[in-house]
């Protein structure tokens, strides 16, 4: 296993600095509405459905002096929302 592997304790340590449910929800809702507008274009549709990609990974932020970070990305191509928390 590499040094960039994550475990339950690593994720729990990062959860304290997560977006509030409201702020993360707004970011996700904004992403989905923008993706729906791109899908519809100038037309109309009864429904717009997406398949989303979700990635959770560990990252060392070298520009921040080796800050240990957790990155979470949710994407509905071509738009994605990424959040990263540092300890």
N, C-alpha and C. Protein backbone atom coordinates (compact mmCIF):
# COMPACT_ATOMS: atom_id res chain seq x y z
N UNK A 1 0.86 -1.18 0.00
CA UNK A 1 0.00 0.00 0.00
C UNK A 1 0.90 1.24 0.00
N UNK A 2 0.55 2.23 -0.79
CA UNK A 2 1.37 3.43 -0.91
C UNK A 2 1.16 4.39 0.26
N UNK A 3 2.03 5.38 0.38
CA UNK A 3 1.90 6.40 1.42
C UNK A 3 0.67 7.28 1.21
N UNK A 4 0.09 7.23 0.03
CA UNK A 4 -1.08 8.06 -0.22
C UNK A 4 -2.39 7.32 0.06
N UNK A 5 -2.31 6.11 0.64
CA UNK A 5 -3.51 5.35 0.98
C UNK A 5 -4.24 6.03 2.14
N UNK A 6 -5.56 5.87 2.19
CA UNK A 6 -6.37 6.44 3.26
C UNK A 6 -7.06 5.32 4.03
N UNK A 7 -7.37 5.61 5.29
CA UNK A 7 -8.14 4.67 6.10
C UNK A 7 -9.23 5.44 6.83
N UNK A 8 -10.04 4.72 7.60
CA UNK A 8 -11.18 5.33 8.29
C UNK A 8 -10.74 6.48 9.20
N UNK A 9 -9.68 6.27 9.99
CA UNK A 9 -9.22 7.30 10.92
C UNK A 9 -8.78 8.57 10.18
N UNK A 10 -8.13 8.40 9.04
CA UNK A 10 -7.69 9.55 8.24
C UNK A 10 -8.88 10.38 7.80
N UNK A 11 -9.94 9.72 7.33
CA UNK A 11 -11.15 10.43 6.89
C UNK A 11 -11.82 11.10 8.08
N UNK A 12 -11.94 10.40 9.21
CA UNK A 12 -12.55 10.98 10.40
C UNK A 12 -11.81 12.24 10.86
N UNK A 13 -10.48 12.23 10.79
CA UNK A 13 -9.69 13.40 11.17
C UNK A 13 -10.03 14.61 10.30
N UNK A 14 -10.37 14.39 9.07
CA UNK A 14 -10.66 15.49 8.14
C UNK A 14 -12.11 15.94 8.18
N UNK A 15 -13.00 15.16 8.76
CA UNK A 15 -14.42 15.49 8.75
C UNK A 15 -14.75 16.74 9.54
N UNK A 16 -13.91 17.11 10.51
CA UNK A 16 -14.19 18.29 11.33
C UNK A 16 -14.20 19.58 10.53
N UNK A 17 -13.45 19.63 9.43
CA UNK A 17 -13.36 20.87 8.66
C UNK A 17 -14.16 20.81 7.35
N UNK A 18 -15.08 19.88 7.27
CA UNK A 18 -15.90 19.72 6.07
C UNK A 18 -16.87 20.91 5.94
N UNK A 19 -17.26 21.18 4.72
CA UNK A 19 -18.34 22.15 4.50
C UNK A 19 -19.47 21.86 5.46
N UNK A 20 -20.24 22.88 5.76
CA UNK A 20 -21.50 22.60 6.45
C UNK A 20 -22.41 21.90 5.45
N UNK A 21 -23.42 21.19 5.90
CA UNK A 21 -24.34 20.57 4.94
C UNK A 21 -24.93 21.60 3.97
N UNK A 22 -25.20 22.80 4.46
CA UNK A 22 -25.76 23.84 3.58
C UNK A 22 -24.79 24.26 2.50
N UNK A 23 -23.53 24.54 2.88
CA UNK A 23 -22.59 25.05 1.88
C UNK A 23 -22.22 23.99 0.85
N UNK A 24 -22.03 22.74 1.29
CA UNK A 24 -21.71 21.69 0.32
C UNK A 24 -22.93 21.40 -0.55
N UNK A 25 -24.11 21.41 0.06
CA UNK A 25 -25.35 21.20 -0.70
C UNK A 25 -25.54 22.26 -1.78
N UNK A 26 -25.24 23.52 -1.45
CA UNK A 26 -25.35 24.59 -2.45
C UNK A 26 -24.38 24.36 -3.59
N UNK A 27 -23.15 23.94 -3.28
CA UNK A 27 -22.16 23.69 -4.32
C UNK A 27 -22.62 22.55 -5.24
N UNK A 28 -23.14 21.49 -4.66
CA UNK A 28 -23.61 20.35 -5.47
C UNK A 28 -24.83 20.75 -6.29
N UNK A 29 -25.79 21.45 -5.67
CA UNK A 29 -26.98 21.89 -6.40
C UNK A 29 -26.61 22.81 -7.56
N UNK A 30 -25.68 23.73 -7.34
CA UNK A 30 -25.23 24.63 -8.39
C UNK A 30 -24.63 23.84 -9.55
N UNK A 31 -23.77 22.86 -9.23
CA UNK A 31 -23.15 22.03 -10.26
C UNK A 31 -24.21 21.30 -11.08
N UNK A 32 -25.19 20.72 -10.40
CA UNK A 32 -26.23 19.96 -11.10
C UNK A 32 -27.11 20.86 -11.97
N UNK A 33 -27.45 22.03 -11.49
CA UNK A 33 -28.27 22.94 -12.29
C UNK A 33 -27.51 23.43 -13.52
N UNK A 34 -26.23 23.70 -13.37
CA UNK A 34 -25.42 24.12 -14.52
C UNK A 34 -25.30 22.99 -15.54
N UNK A 35 -25.11 21.77 -15.05
CA UNK A 35 -25.03 20.62 -15.95
C UNK A 35 -26.37 20.41 -16.67
N UNK A 36 -27.48 20.61 -15.96
CA UNK A 36 -28.81 20.46 -16.59
C UNK A 36 -29.02 21.52 -17.66
N UNK A 37 -28.60 22.76 -17.39
CA UNK A 37 -28.73 23.82 -18.39
C UNK A 37 -27.90 23.49 -19.63
N UNK A 38 -26.70 22.95 -19.43
CA UNK A 38 -25.86 22.58 -20.56
C UNK A 38 -26.49 21.45 -21.37
N UNK A 39 -27.10 20.52 -20.68
CA UNK A 39 -27.76 19.38 -21.35
C UNK A 39 -28.97 19.84 -22.15
N UNK A 40 -29.78 20.73 -21.59
CA UNK A 40 -31.02 21.18 -22.24
C UNK A 40 -30.73 22.16 -23.37
N UNK A 41 -29.72 23.00 -23.20
CA UNK A 41 -29.42 24.00 -24.22
C UNK A 41 -30.58 24.98 -24.35
N UNK A 42 -31.00 25.23 -25.59
CA UNK A 42 -32.13 26.14 -25.83
C UNK A 42 -33.46 25.42 -25.89
N UNK A 43 -33.45 24.10 -25.72
CA UNK A 43 -34.67 23.31 -25.82
C UNK A 43 -35.37 23.13 -24.49
N UNK A 44 -36.23 22.11 -24.44
CA UNK A 44 -36.96 21.75 -23.22
C UNK A 44 -36.89 20.23 -23.06
N UNK A 45 -36.90 19.78 -21.84
CA UNK A 45 -36.92 18.35 -21.55
C UNK A 45 -37.81 18.11 -20.35
N UNK A 46 -38.44 16.96 -20.30
CA UNK A 46 -39.26 16.60 -19.15
C UNK A 46 -38.38 16.30 -17.93
N UNK A 47 -37.23 15.70 -18.18
CA UNK A 47 -36.34 15.29 -17.10
C UNK A 47 -34.90 15.27 -17.62
N UNK A 48 -33.98 15.56 -16.74
CA UNK A 48 -32.55 15.47 -17.07
C UNK A 48 -31.93 14.55 -16.03
N UNK A 49 -31.29 13.47 -16.49
CA UNK A 49 -30.66 12.53 -15.58
C UNK A 49 -29.16 12.51 -15.81
N UNK A 50 -28.41 12.30 -14.72
CA UNK A 50 -26.96 12.25 -14.79
C UNK A 50 -26.44 11.04 -14.05
N UNK A 51 -25.33 10.55 -14.50
CA UNK A 51 -24.53 9.59 -13.74
C UNK A 51 -23.35 10.39 -13.22
N UNK A 52 -23.08 10.29 -11.93
CA UNK A 52 -22.02 11.09 -11.32
C UNK A 52 -20.81 10.24 -10.98
N UNK A 53 -19.65 10.86 -11.07
CA UNK A 53 -18.39 10.25 -10.63
C UNK A 53 -18.04 10.83 -9.27
N UNK A 54 -17.67 9.96 -8.33
CA UNK A 54 -17.27 10.41 -7.00
C UNK A 54 -15.88 9.83 -6.71
N UNK A 55 -14.96 10.69 -6.28
CA UNK A 55 -13.60 10.26 -5.97
C UNK A 55 -13.23 10.81 -4.58
N UNK A 56 -12.72 9.93 -3.72
CA UNK A 56 -12.19 10.33 -2.41
C UNK A 56 -10.75 9.85 -2.37
N UNK A 57 -9.81 10.77 -2.14
CA UNK A 57 -8.40 10.37 -2.11
C UNK A 57 -7.58 11.26 -1.19
N UNK A 58 -6.43 10.76 -0.84
CA UNK A 58 -5.49 11.48 0.00
C UNK A 58 -4.53 12.25 -0.90
N UNK A 59 -4.11 13.44 -0.43
CA UNK A 59 -3.20 14.26 -1.21
C UNK A 59 -2.33 15.07 -0.27
N UNK A 60 -1.07 15.19 -0.60
CA UNK A 60 -0.17 16.05 0.16
C UNK A 60 -0.05 17.36 -0.61
N UNK A 61 -0.43 18.44 0.05
CA UNK A 61 -0.37 19.76 -0.57
C UNK A 61 1.02 20.33 -0.36
N UNK A 62 1.88 20.16 -1.33
CA UNK A 62 3.28 20.57 -1.19
C UNK A 62 3.42 22.09 -1.07
N UNK A 63 2.55 22.84 -1.74
CA UNK A 63 2.65 24.30 -1.66
C UNK A 63 2.29 24.81 -0.27
N UNK A 64 1.62 23.99 0.50
CA UNK A 64 1.22 24.39 1.85
C UNK A 64 2.18 23.81 2.90
N UNK A 65 3.39 23.48 2.49
CA UNK A 65 4.38 22.95 3.43
C UNK A 65 4.09 21.53 3.86
N UNK A 66 3.80 20.67 2.89
CA UNK A 66 3.53 19.25 3.16
C UNK A 66 2.27 19.04 3.99
N UNK A 67 1.26 19.85 3.80
CA UNK A 67 -0.01 19.71 4.50
C UNK A 67 -0.70 18.45 4.01
N UNK A 68 -1.13 17.60 4.93
CA UNK A 68 -1.81 16.35 4.60
C UNK A 68 -3.28 16.65 4.35
N UNK A 69 -3.79 16.30 3.19
CA UNK A 69 -5.14 16.69 2.79
C UNK A 69 -5.98 15.50 2.36
N UNK A 70 -7.29 15.67 2.41
CA UNK A 70 -8.25 14.72 1.88
C UNK A 70 -9.04 15.45 0.81
N UNK A 71 -9.12 14.87 -0.38
CA UNK A 71 -9.83 15.48 -1.49
C UNK A 71 -11.07 14.67 -1.81
N UNK A 72 -12.20 15.35 -1.96
CA UNK A 72 -13.45 14.71 -2.37
C UNK A 72 -13.94 15.44 -3.61
N UNK A 73 -14.19 14.72 -4.68
CA UNK A 73 -14.68 15.32 -5.92
C UNK A 73 -15.94 14.61 -6.37
N UNK A 74 -16.93 15.39 -6.75
CA UNK A 74 -18.19 14.88 -7.29
C UNK A 74 -18.35 15.52 -8.65
N UNK A 75 -18.51 14.71 -9.67
CA UNK A 75 -18.57 15.27 -11.01
C UNK A 75 -19.70 14.73 -11.85
N UNK A 76 -20.32 15.63 -12.57
CA UNK A 76 -21.27 15.30 -13.62
C UNK A 76 -20.68 15.97 -14.86
N UNK A 77 -19.92 15.19 -15.66
CA UNK A 77 -19.21 15.80 -16.79
C UNK A 77 -20.12 16.70 -17.61
N UNK A 78 -19.65 17.88 -17.98
CA UNK A 78 -18.29 18.38 -17.89
C UNK A 78 -18.00 19.21 -16.64
N UNK A 79 -18.86 19.17 -15.64
CA UNK A 79 -18.73 20.02 -14.47
C UNK A 79 -18.42 19.15 -13.25
N UNK A 80 -17.58 19.66 -12.35
CA UNK A 80 -17.34 18.92 -11.11
C UNK A 80 -17.17 19.88 -9.95
N UNK A 81 -17.43 19.38 -8.76
CA UNK A 81 -17.23 20.13 -7.52
C UNK A 81 -16.17 19.38 -6.75
N UNK A 82 -15.13 20.06 -6.38
CA UNK A 82 -14.07 19.44 -5.59
C UNK A 82 -13.85 20.19 -4.31
N UNK A 83 -13.63 19.45 -3.25
CA UNK A 83 -13.39 20.04 -1.95
C UNK A 83 -12.16 19.36 -1.39
N UNK A 84 -11.29 20.14 -0.76
CA UNK A 84 -10.18 19.48 -0.09
C UNK A 84 -9.96 20.09 1.27
N UNK A 85 -9.75 19.20 2.21
CA UNK A 85 -9.59 19.58 3.61
C UNK A 85 -8.19 19.24 4.06
N UNK A 86 -7.57 20.14 4.77
CA UNK A 86 -6.21 19.90 5.27
C UNK A 86 -6.19 19.78 6.78
N UNK A 87 -5.23 19.04 7.26
CA UNK A 87 -5.02 18.92 8.71
C UNK A 87 -3.78 19.69 9.08
